[in-house]
Amino acid sequence: MDADTLIELILAITVFGIPAVALSMRFVLRPMLKDVTEAILSIREPTSPKLEHRLAELEEGQQVIGEQLKRLVEAERFRAELRSGIESS
């Protein structure tokens, strides 16, 4: 095997072999990657009804706390306005 034959062999492998391997790997690995991605996403999603109920309770509690905080802020503003009115008199 001389140098010209070796160069032709390397060139043929580079031109035809690498793209062929890349395409075959794409078609082999793509379904596996899709399955793995779906499995990871399904793990992250709440599937248990008990968990969903608990999450709904937490969201409800957060809304209640937010409303109470708004009321406290309004009451403090009102108190500050009253105090400034008394001090200016």
PDB file of N, CA and C in Angstrom:
ATOM      1  N   MET A   1       0.852  -1.169   0.000  1.00  0.00           N
ATOM      2  CA  MET A   1       0.000   0.000   0.000  1.00  0.00           C
ATOM      3  C   MET A   1       0.900   1.235   0.000  1.00  0.00           C
ATOM      4  N   ASP A   2       0.750   2.018  -1.016  1.00  0.00           N
ATOM      5  CA  ASP A   2       1.595   3.203  -1.101  1.00  0.00           C
ATOM      6  C   ASP A   2       0.875   4.421  -0.534  1.00  0.00           C
ATOM      7  N   ALA A   3       1.516   5.535  -0.536  1.00  0.00           N
ATOM      8  CA  ALA A   3       0.994   6.760   0.085  1.00  0.00           C
ATOM      9  C   ALA A   3      -0.244   7.280  -0.631  1.00  0.00           C
ATOM     10  N   ASP A   4      -0.280   7.160  -1.959  1.00  0.00           N
ATOM     11  CA  ASP A   4      -1.451   7.644  -2.719  1.00  0.00           C
ATOM     12  C   ASP A   4      -2.699   6.846  -2.367  1.00  0.00           C
ATOM     13  N   THR A   5      -2.575   5.548  -2.241  1.00  0.00           N
ATOM     14  CA  THR A   5      -3.712   4.702  -1.892  1.00  0.00           C
ATOM     15  C   THR A   5      -4.196   5.022  -0.479  1.00  0.00           C
ATOM     16  N   LEU A   6      -3.280   5.234   0.419  1.00  0.00           N
ATOM     17  CA  LEU A   6      -3.624   5.568   1.790  1.00  0.00           C
ATOM     18  C   LEU A   6      -4.354   6.909   1.858  1.00  0.00           C
ATOM     19  N   ILE A   7      -3.884   7.872   1.113  1.00  0.00           N
ATOM     20  CA  ILE A   7      -4.536   9.186   1.080  1.00  0.00           C
ATOM     21  C   ILE A   7      -5.942   9.069   0.493  1.00  0.00           C
ATOM     22  N   GLU A   8      -6.092   8.280  -0.578  1.00  0.00           N
ATOM     23  CA  GLU A   8      -7.418   8.077  -1.190  1.00  0.00           C
ATOM     24  C   GLU A   8      -8.362   7.388  -0.206  1.00  0.00           C
ATOM     25  N   LEU A   9      -7.865   6.428   0.537  1.00  0.00           N
ATOM     26  CA  LEU A   9      -8.677   5.720   1.522  1.00  0.00           C
ATOM     27  C   LEU A   9      -9.129   6.662   2.638  1.00  0.00           C
ATOM     28  N   ILE A  10      -8.219   7.466   3.143  1.00  0.00           N
ATOM     29  CA  ILE A  10      -8.564   8.424   4.199  1.00  0.00           C
ATOM     30  C   ILE A  10      -9.563   9.452   3.679  1.00  0.00           C
ATOM     31  N   LEU A  11      -9.372   9.910   2.454  1.00  0.00           N
ATOM     32  CA  LEU A  11     -10.282  10.872   1.846  1.00  0.00           C
ATOM     33  C   LEU A  11     -11.671  10.271   1.657  1.00  0.00           C
ATOM     34  N   ALA A  12     -11.757   9.039   1.214  1.00  0.00           N
ATOM     35  CA  ALA A  12     -13.047   8.374   1.013  1.00  0.00           C
ATOM     36  C   ALA A  12     -13.769   8.186   2.343  1.00  0.00           C
ATOM     37  N   ILE A  13     -13.031   7.792   3.372  1.00  0.00           N
ATOM     38  CA  ILE A  13     -13.646   7.630   4.695  1.00  0.00           C
ATOM     39  C   ILE A  13     -14.141   8.975   5.208  1.00  0.00           C
ATOM     40  N   THR A  14     -13.353  10.011   5.012  1.00  0.00           N
ATOM     41  CA  THR A  14     -13.741  11.340   5.485  1.00  0.00           C
ATOM     42  C   THR A  14     -14.964  11.857   4.746  1.00  0.00           C
ATOM     43  N   VAL A  15     -14.988  11.704   3.419  1.00  0.00           N
ATOM     44  CA  VAL A  15     -16.070  12.262   2.612  1.00  0.00           C
ATOM     45  C   VAL A  15     -17.359  11.469   2.769  1.00  0.00           C
ATOM     46  N   PHE A  16     -17.278  10.133   2.792  1.00  0.00           N
ATOM     47  CA  PHE A  16     -18.497   9.328   2.824  1.00  0.00           C
ATOM     48  C   PHE A  16     -18.778   8.694   4.185  1.00  0.00           C
ATOM     49  N   GLY A  17     -17.763   8.336   4.902  1.00  0.00           N
ATOM     50  CA  GLY A  17     -17.950   7.597   6.148  1.00  0.00           C
ATOM     51  C   GLY A  17     -18.476   8.440   7.283  1.00  0.00           C
ATOM     52  N   ILE A  18     -17.884   9.610   7.494  1.00  0.00           N
ATOM     53  CA  ILE A  18     -18.290  10.460   8.613  1.00  0.00           C
ATOM     54  C   ILE A  18     -19.729  10.939   8.467  1.00  0.00           C
ATOM     55  N   PRO A  19     -20.154  11.456   7.304  1.00  0.00           N
ATOM     56  CA  PRO A  19     -21.566  11.844   7.180  1.00  0.00           C
ATOM     57  C   PRO A  19     -22.525  10.660   7.330  1.00  0.00           C
ATOM     58  N   ALA A  20     -22.134   9.487   6.830  1.00  0.00           N
ATOM     59  CA  ALA A  20     -22.996   8.308   6.958  1.00  0.00           C
ATOM     60  C   ALA A  20     -23.161   7.921   8.429  1.00  0.00           C
ATOM     61  N   VAL A  21     -22.072   7.960   9.182  1.00  0.00           N
ATOM     62  CA  VAL A  21     -22.140   7.648  10.613  1.00  0.00           C
ATOM     63  C   VAL A  21     -22.977   8.701  11.340  1.00  0.00           C
ATOM     64  N   ALA A  22     -22.800   9.972  10.965  1.00  0.00           N
ATOM     65  CA  ALA A  22     -23.556  11.040  11.620  1.00  0.00           C
ATOM     66  C   ALA A  22     -25.055  10.890  11.359  1.00  0.00           C
ATOM     67  N   LEU A  23     -25.433  10.598  10.128  1.00  0.00           N
ATOM     68  CA  LEU A  23     -26.858  10.413   9.818  1.00  0.00           C
ATOM     69  C   LEU A  23     -27.441   9.209  10.541  1.00  0.00           C
ATOM     70  N   SER A  24     -26.704   8.114  10.545  1.00  0.00           N
ATOM     71  CA  SER A  24     -27.232   6.928  11.224  1.00  0.00           C
ATOM     72  C   SER A  24     -27.340   7.159  12.727  1.00  0.00           C
ATOM     73  N   MET A  25     -26.387   7.848  13.319  1.00  0.00           N
ATOM     74  CA  MET A  25     -26.469   8.149  14.744  1.00  0.00           C
ATOM     75  C   MET A  25     -27.645   9.069  15.041  1.00  0.00           C
ATOM     76  N   ARG A  26     -27.899  10.007  14.132  1.00  0.00           N
ATOM     77  CA  ARG A  26     -29.031  10.920  14.330  1.00  0.00           C
ATOM     78  C   ARG A  26     -30.339  10.142  14.357  1.00  0.00           C
ATOM     79  N   PHE A  27     -30.509   9.233  13.421  1.00  0.00           N
ATOM     80  CA  PHE A  27     -31.758   8.480  13.359  1.00  0.00           C
ATOM     81  C   PHE A  27     -31.868   7.449  14.480  1.00  0.00           C
ATOM     82  N   VAL A  28     -30.762   7.012  15.012  1.00  0.00           N
ATOM     83  CA  VAL A  28     -30.782   6.059  16.122  1.00  0.00           C
ATOM     84  C   VAL A  28     -30.985   6.790  17.448  1.00  0.00           C
ATOM     85  N   LEU A  29     -30.257   7.878  17.647  1.00  0.00           N
ATOM     86  CA  LEU A  29     -30.278   8.551  18.938  1.00  0.00           C
ATOM     87  C   LEU A  29     -31.472   9.487  19.115  1.00  0.00           C
ATOM     88  N   ARG A  30     -32.041   9.991  18.045  1.00  0.00           N
ATOM     89  CA  ARG A  30     -33.145  10.942  18.177  1.00  0.00           C
ATOM     90  C   ARG A  30     -34.351  10.347  18.914  1.00  0.00           C
ATOM     91  N   PRO A  31     -34.828   9.152  18.560  1.00  0.00           N
ATOM     92  CA  PRO A  31     -35.953   8.587  19.335  1.00  0.00           C
ATOM     93  C   PRO A  31     -35.591   8.337  20.796  1.00  0.00           C
ATOM     94  N   MET A  32     -34.359   7.905  21.053  1.00  0.00           N
ATOM     95  CA  MET A  32     -33.958   7.677  22.444  1.00  0.00           C
ATOM     96  C   MET A  32     -33.917   8.986  23.214  1.00  0.00           C
ATOM     97  N   LEU A  33     -33.397  10.035  22.602  1.00  0.00           N
ATOM     98  CA  LEU A  33     -33.343  11.338  23.253  1.00  0.00           C
ATOM     99  C   LEU A  33     -34.747  11.870  23.520  1.00  0.00           C
ATOM    100  N   LYS A  34     -35.662  11.648  22.577  1.00  0.00           N
ATOM    101  CA  LYS A  34     -37.049  12.080  22.755  1.00  0.00           C
ATOM    102  C   LYS A  34     -37.683  11.344  23.938  1.00  0.00           C
ATOM    103  N   ASP A  35     -37.445  10.041  24.040  1.00  0.00           N
ATOM    104  CA  ASP A  35     -37.997   9.262  25.151  1.00  0.00           C
ATOM    105  C   ASP A  35     -37.428   9.718  26.497  1.00  0.00           C
ATOM    106  N   VAL A  36     -36.144   9.984  26.538  1.00  0.00           N
ATOM    107  CA  VAL A  36     -35.516  10.431  27.778  1.00  0.00           C
ATOM    108  C   VAL A  36     -36.067  11.796  28.178  1.00  0.00           C
ATOM    109  N   THR A  37     -36.230  12.695  27.208  1.00  0.00           N
ATOM    110  CA  THR A  37     -36.767  14.027  27.490  1.00  0.00           C
ATOM    111  C   THR A  37     -38.193  13.928  28.024  1.00  0.00           C
ATOM    112  N   GLU A  38     -39.021  13.110  27.409  1.00  0.00           N
ATOM    113  CA  GLU A  38     -40.392  12.932  27.881  1.00  0.00           C
ATOM    114  C   GLU A  38     -40.418  12.349  29.293  1.00  0.00           C
ATOM    115  N   ALA A  39     -39.520  11.424  29.574  1.00  0.00           N
ATOM    116  CA  ALA A  39     -39.471  10.828  30.912  1.00  0.00           C
ATOM    117  C   ALA A  39     -39.089  11.871  31.958  1.00  0.00           C
ATOM    118  N   ILE A  40     -38.122  12.715  31.630  1.00  0.00           N
ATOM    119  CA  ILE A  40     -37.709  13.763  32.569  1.00  0.00           C
ATOM    120  C   ILE A  40     -38.841  14.744  32.799  1.00  0.00           C
ATOM    121  N   LEU A  41     -39.536  15.130  31.734  1.00  0.00           N
ATOM    122  CA  LEU A  41     -40.652  16.071  31.876  1.00  0.00           C
ATOM    123  C   LEU A  41     -41.803  15.465  32.664  1.00  0.00           C
ATOM    124  N   SER A  42     -42.061  14.195  32.481  1.00  0.00           N
ATOM    125  CA  SER A  42     -43.154  13.563  33.227  1.00  0.00           C
ATOM    126  C   SER A  42     -42.825  13.453  34.708  1.00  0.00           C
ATOM    127  N   ILE A  43     -41.546  13.348  35.036  1.00  0.00           N
ATOM    128  CA  ILE A  43     -41.148  13.301  36.443  1.00  0.00           C
ATOM    129  C   ILE A  43     -41.374  14.655  37.090  1.00  0.00           C
ATOM    130  N   ARG A  44     -41.109  15.729  36.359  1.00  0.00           N
ATOM    131  CA  ARG A  44     -41.246  17.077  36.906  1.00  0.00           C
ATOM    132  C   ARG A  44     -42.694  17.502  37.076  1.00  0.00           C
ATOM    133  N   GLU A  45     -43.602  16.964  36.288  1.00  0.00           N
ATOM    134  CA  GLU A  45     -45.005  17.364  36.367  1.00  0.00           C
ATOM    135  C   GLU A  45     -45.680  16.690  37.563  1.00  0.00           C
ATOM    136  N   PRO A  46     -46.503  17.436  38.285  1.00  0.00           N
ATOM    137  CA  PRO A  46     -47.224  16.805  39.397  1.00  0.00           C
ATOM    138  C   PRO A  46     -48.290  15.850  38.863  1.00  0.00           C
ATOM    139  N   THR A  47     -48.173  14.587  39.195  1.00  0.00           N
ATOM    140  CA  THR A  47     -49.116  13.599  38.684  1.00  0.00           C
ATOM    141  C   THR A  47     -50.062  13.107  39.769  1.00  0.00           C
ATOM    142  N   SER A  48     -49.681  13.248  40.997  1.00  0.00           N
ATOM    143  CA  SER A  48     -50.488  12.753  42.093  1.00  0.00           C
ATOM    144  C   SER A  48     -51.627  13.722  42.402  1.00  0.00           C
ATOM    145  N   PRO A  49     -52.850  13.235  42.515  1.00  0.00           N
ATOM    146  CA  PRO A  49     -53.965  14.121  42.891  1.00  0.00           C
ATOM    147  C   PRO A  49     -53.749  14.753  44.271  1.00  0.00           C
ATOM    148  N   LYS A  50     -53.129  14.009  45.171  1.00  0.00           N
ATOM    149  CA  LYS A  50     -52.839  14.542  46.501  1.00  0.00           C
ATOM    150  C   LYS A  50     -51.858  15.710  46.404  1.00  0.00           C
ATOM    151  N   LEU A  51     -50.862  15.555  45.555  1.00  0.00           N
ATOM    152  CA  LEU A  51     -49.879  16.622  45.357  1.00  0.00           C
ATOM    153  C   LEU A  51     -50.525  17.847  44.707  1.00  0.00           C
ATOM    154  N   GLU A  52     -51.389  17.622  43.731  1.00  0.00           N
ATOM    155  CA  GLU A  52     -52.084  18.738  43.080  1.00  0.00           C
ATOM    156  C   GLU A  52     -52.987  19.473  44.071  1.00  0.00           C
ATOM    157  N   HIS A  53     -53.667  18.714  44.944  1.00  0.00           N
ATOM    158  CA  HIS A  53     -54.530  19.320  45.958  1.00  0.00           C
ATOM    159  C   HIS A  53     -53.701  20.165  46.926  1.00  0.00           C
ATOM    160  N   ARG A  54     -52.569  19.639  47.334  1.00  0.00           N
ATOM    161  CA  ARG A  54     -51.686  20.371  48.257  1.00  0.00           C
ATOM    162  C   ARG A  54     -51.160  21.645  47.596  1.00  0.00           C
ATOM    163  N   LEU A  55     -50.815  21.551  46.329  1.00  0.00           N
ATOM    164  CA  LEU A  55     -50.341  22.721  45.589  1.00  0.00           C
ATOM    165  C   LEU A  55     -51.434  23.777  45.488  1.00  0.00           C
ATOM    166  N   ALA A  56     -52.670  23.351  45.262  1.00  0.00           N
ATOM    167  CA  ALA A  56     -53.790  24.290  45.203  1.00  0.00           C
ATOM    168  C   ALA A  56     -53.993  24.971  46.559  1.00  0.00           C
ATOM    169  N   GLU A  57     -53.854  24.211  47.647  1.00  0.00           N
ATOM    170  CA  GLU A  57     -53.981  24.802  48.986  1.00  0.00           C
ATOM    171  C   GLU A  57     -52.890  25.838  49.229  1.00  0.00           C
ATOM    172  N   LEU A  58     -51.682  25.531  48.818  1.00  0.00           N
ATOM    173  CA  LEU A  58     -50.581  26.484  49.000  1.00  0.00           C
ATOM    174  C   LEU A  58     -50.808  27.761  48.185  1.00  0.00           C
ATOM    175  N   GLU A  59     -51.295  27.612  46.964  1.00  0.00           N
ATOM    176  CA  GLU A  59     -51.582  28.789  46.140  1.00  0.00           C
ATOM    177  C   GLU A  59     -52.680  29.641  46.770  1.00  0.00           C
ATOM    178  N   GLU A  60     -53.692  28.974  47.297  1.00  0.00           N
ATOM    179  CA  GLU A  60     -54.784  29.685  47.963  1.00  0.00           C
ATOM    180  C   GLU A  60     -54.261  30.445  49.189  1.00  0.00           C
ATOM    181  N   GLY A  61     -53.424  29.794  49.972  1.00  0.00           N
ATOM    182  CA  GLY A  61     -52.851  30.432  51.147  1.00  0.00           C
ATOM    183  C   GLY A  61     -51.989  31.629  50.769  1.00  0.00           C
ATOM    184  N   GLN A  62     -51.260  31.512  49.686  1.00  0.00           N
ATOM    185  CA  GLN A  62     -50.424  32.617  49.232  1.00  0.00           C
ATOM    186  C   GLN A  62     -51.289  33.802  48.817  1.00  0.00           C
ATOM    187  N   GLN A  63     -52.423  33.540  48.173  1.00  0.00           N
ATOM    188  CA  GLN A  63     -53.330  34.620  47.788  1.00  0.00           C
ATOM    189  C   GLN A  63     -53.909  35.316  49.012  1.00  0.00           C
ATOM    190  N   VAL A  64     -54.282  34.544  50.013  1.00  0.00           N
ATOM    191  CA  VAL A  64     -54.828  35.111  51.243  1.00  0.00           C
ATOM    192  C   VAL A  64     -53.785  35.994  51.927  1.00  0.00           C
ATOM    193  N   ILE A  65     -52.554  35.509  52.002  1.00  0.00           N
ATOM    194  CA  ILE A  65     -51.485  36.291  52.627  1.00  0.00           C
ATOM    195  C   ILE A  65     -51.250  37.579  51.846  1.00  0.00           C
ATOM    196  N   GLY A  66     -51.297  37.506  50.520  1.00  0.00           N
ATOM    197  CA  GLY A  66     -51.123  38.702  49.701  1.00  0.00           C
ATOM    198  C   GLY A  66     -52.216  39.732  49.945  1.00  0.00           C
ATOM    199  N   GLU A  67     -53.461  39.262  50.060  1.00  0.00           N
ATOM    200  CA  GLU A  67     -54.575  40.177  50.331  1.00  0.00           C
ATOM    201  C   GLU A  67     -54.422  40.815  51.722  1.00  0.00           C
ATOM    202  N   GLN A  68     -54.047  40.027  52.708  1.00  0.00           N
ATOM    203  CA  GLN A  68     -53.857  40.573  54.052  1.00  0.00           C
ATOM    204  C   GLN A  68     -52.729  41.596  54.082  1.00  0.00           C
ATOM    205  N   LEU A  69     -51.681  41.343  53.331  1.00  0.00           N
ATOM    206  CA  LEU A  69     -50.575  42.285  53.267  1.00  0.00           C
ATOM    207  C   LEU A  69     -51.013  43.607  52.639  1.00  0.00           C
ATOM    208  N   LYS A  70     -51.837  43.534  51.605  1.00  0.00           N
ATOM    209  CA  LYS A  70     -52.363  44.754  50.985  1.00  0.00           C
ATOM    210  C   LYS A  70     -53.192  45.552  51.984  1.00  0.00           C
ATOM    211  N   ARG A  71     -54.021  44.846  52.756  1.00  0.00           N
ATOM    212  CA  ARG A  71     -54.836  45.534  53.767  1.00  0.00           C
ATOM    213  C   ARG A  71     -53.958  46.206  54.816  1.00  0.00           C
ATOM    214  N   LEU A  72     -52.914  45.514  55.246  1.00  0.00           N
ATOM    215  CA  LEU A  72     -52.006  46.100  56.237  1.00  0.00           C
ATOM    216  C   LEU A  72     -51.304  47.343  55.687  1.00  0.00           C
ATOM    217  N   VAL A  73     -50.905  47.298  54.434  1.00  0.00           N
ATOM    218  CA  VAL A  73     -50.248  48.457  53.821  1.00  0.00           C
ATOM    219  C   VAL A  73     -51.226  49.628  53.752  1.00  0.00           C
ATOM    220  N   GLU A  74     -52.465  49.347  53.351  1.00  0.00           N
ATOM    221  CA  GLU A  74     -53.475  50.407  53.287  1.00  0.00           C
ATOM    222  C   GLU A  74     -53.751  50.987  54.675  1.00  0.00           C
ATOM    223  N   ALA A  75     -53.834  50.125  55.682  1.00  0.00           N
ATOM    224  CA  ALA A  75     -54.082  50.597  57.044  1.00  0.00           C
ATOM    225  C   ALA A  75     -52.912  51.450  57.538  1.00  0.00           C
ATOM    226  N   GLU A  76     -51.702  51.068  57.215  1.00  0.00           N
ATOM    227  CA  GLU A  76     -50.535  51.843  57.635  1.00  0.00           C
ATOM    228  C   GLU A  76     -50.509  53.203  56.935  1.00  0.00           C
ATOM    229  N   ARG A  77     -50.872  53.236  55.653  1.00  0.00           N
ATOM    230  CA  ARG A  77     -50.955  54.517  54.941  1.00  0.00           C
ATOM    231  C   ARG A  77     -51.994  55.433  55.590  1.00  0.00           C
ATOM    232  N   PHE A  78     -53.150  54.851  55.891  1.00  0.00           N
ATOM    233  CA  PHE A  78     -54.221  55.620  56.512  1.00  0.00           C
ATOM    234  C   PHE A  78     -53.762  56.173  57.869  1.00  0.00           C
ATOM    235  N   ARG A  79     -53.090  55.321  58.652  1.00  0.00           N
ATOM    236  CA  ARG A  79     -52.592  55.742  59.953  1.00  0.00           C
ATOM    237  C   ARG A  79     -51.557  56.857  59.799  1.00  0.00           C
ATOM    238  N   ALA A  80     -50.700  56.735  58.793  1.00  0.00           N
ATOM    239  CA  ALA A  80     -49.688  57.767  58.558  1.00  0.00           C
ATOM    240  C   ALA A  80     -50.345  59.080  58.142  1.00  0.00           C
ATOM    241  N   GLU A  81     -51.406  59.010  57.330  1.00  0.00           N
ATOM    242  CA  GLU A  81     -52.127  60.220  56.926  1.00  0.00           C
ATOM    243  C   GLU A  81     -52.791  60.874  58.136  1.00  0.00           C
ATOM    244  N   LEU A  82     -53.398  60.075  58.993  1.00  0.00           N
ATOM    245  CA  LEU A  82     -54.029  60.612  60.193  1.00  0.00           C
ATOM    246  C   LEU A  82     -52.990  61.267  61.100  1.00  0.00           C
ATOM    247  N   ARG A  83     -51.878  60.597  61.261  1.00  0.00           N
ATOM    248  CA  ARG A  83     -50.819  61.130  62.121  1.00  0.00           C
ATOM    249  C   ARG A  83     -50.273  62.438  61.548  1.00  0.00           C
ATOM    250  N   SER A  84     -50.088  62.510  60.238  1.00  0.00           N
ATOM    251  CA  SER A  84     -49.575  63.752  59.651  1.00  0.00           C
ATOM    252  C   SER A  84     -50.601  64.869  59.756  1.00  0.00           C
ATOM    253  N   GLY A  85     -51.875  64.554  59.723  1.00  0.00           N
ATOM    254  CA  GLY A  85     -52.918  65.539  59.899  1.00  0.00           C
ATOM    255  C   GLY A  85     -52.977  66.071  61.321  1.00  0.00           C
ATOM    256  N   ILE A  86     -52.733  65.204  62.279  1.00  0.00           N
ATOM    257  CA  ILE A  86     -52.755  65.595  63.695  1.00  0.00           C
ATOM    258  C   ILE A  86     -51.526  66.457  63.991  1.00  0.00           C
ATOM    259  N   GLU A  87     -50.372  66.083  63.448  1.00  0.00           N
ATOM    260  CA  GLU A  87     -49.142  66.818  63.714  1.00  0.00           C
ATOM    261  C   GLU A  87     -49.159  68.212  63.078  1.00  0.00           C
ATOM    262  N   SER A  88     -49.808  68.358  61.927  1.00  0.00           N
ATOM    263  CA  SER A  88     -49.831  69.658  61.255  1.00  0.00           C
ATOM    264  C   SER A  88     -50.847  70.613  61.881  1.00  0.00           C
ATOM    265  N   SER A  89     -51.763  70.095  62.663  1.00  0.00           N
ATOM    266  CA  SER A  89     -52.804  70.951  63.285  1.00  0.00           C
ATOM    267  C   SER A  89     -52.295  71.738  64.424  1.00  0.00           C
TER     268      SER A  89
END
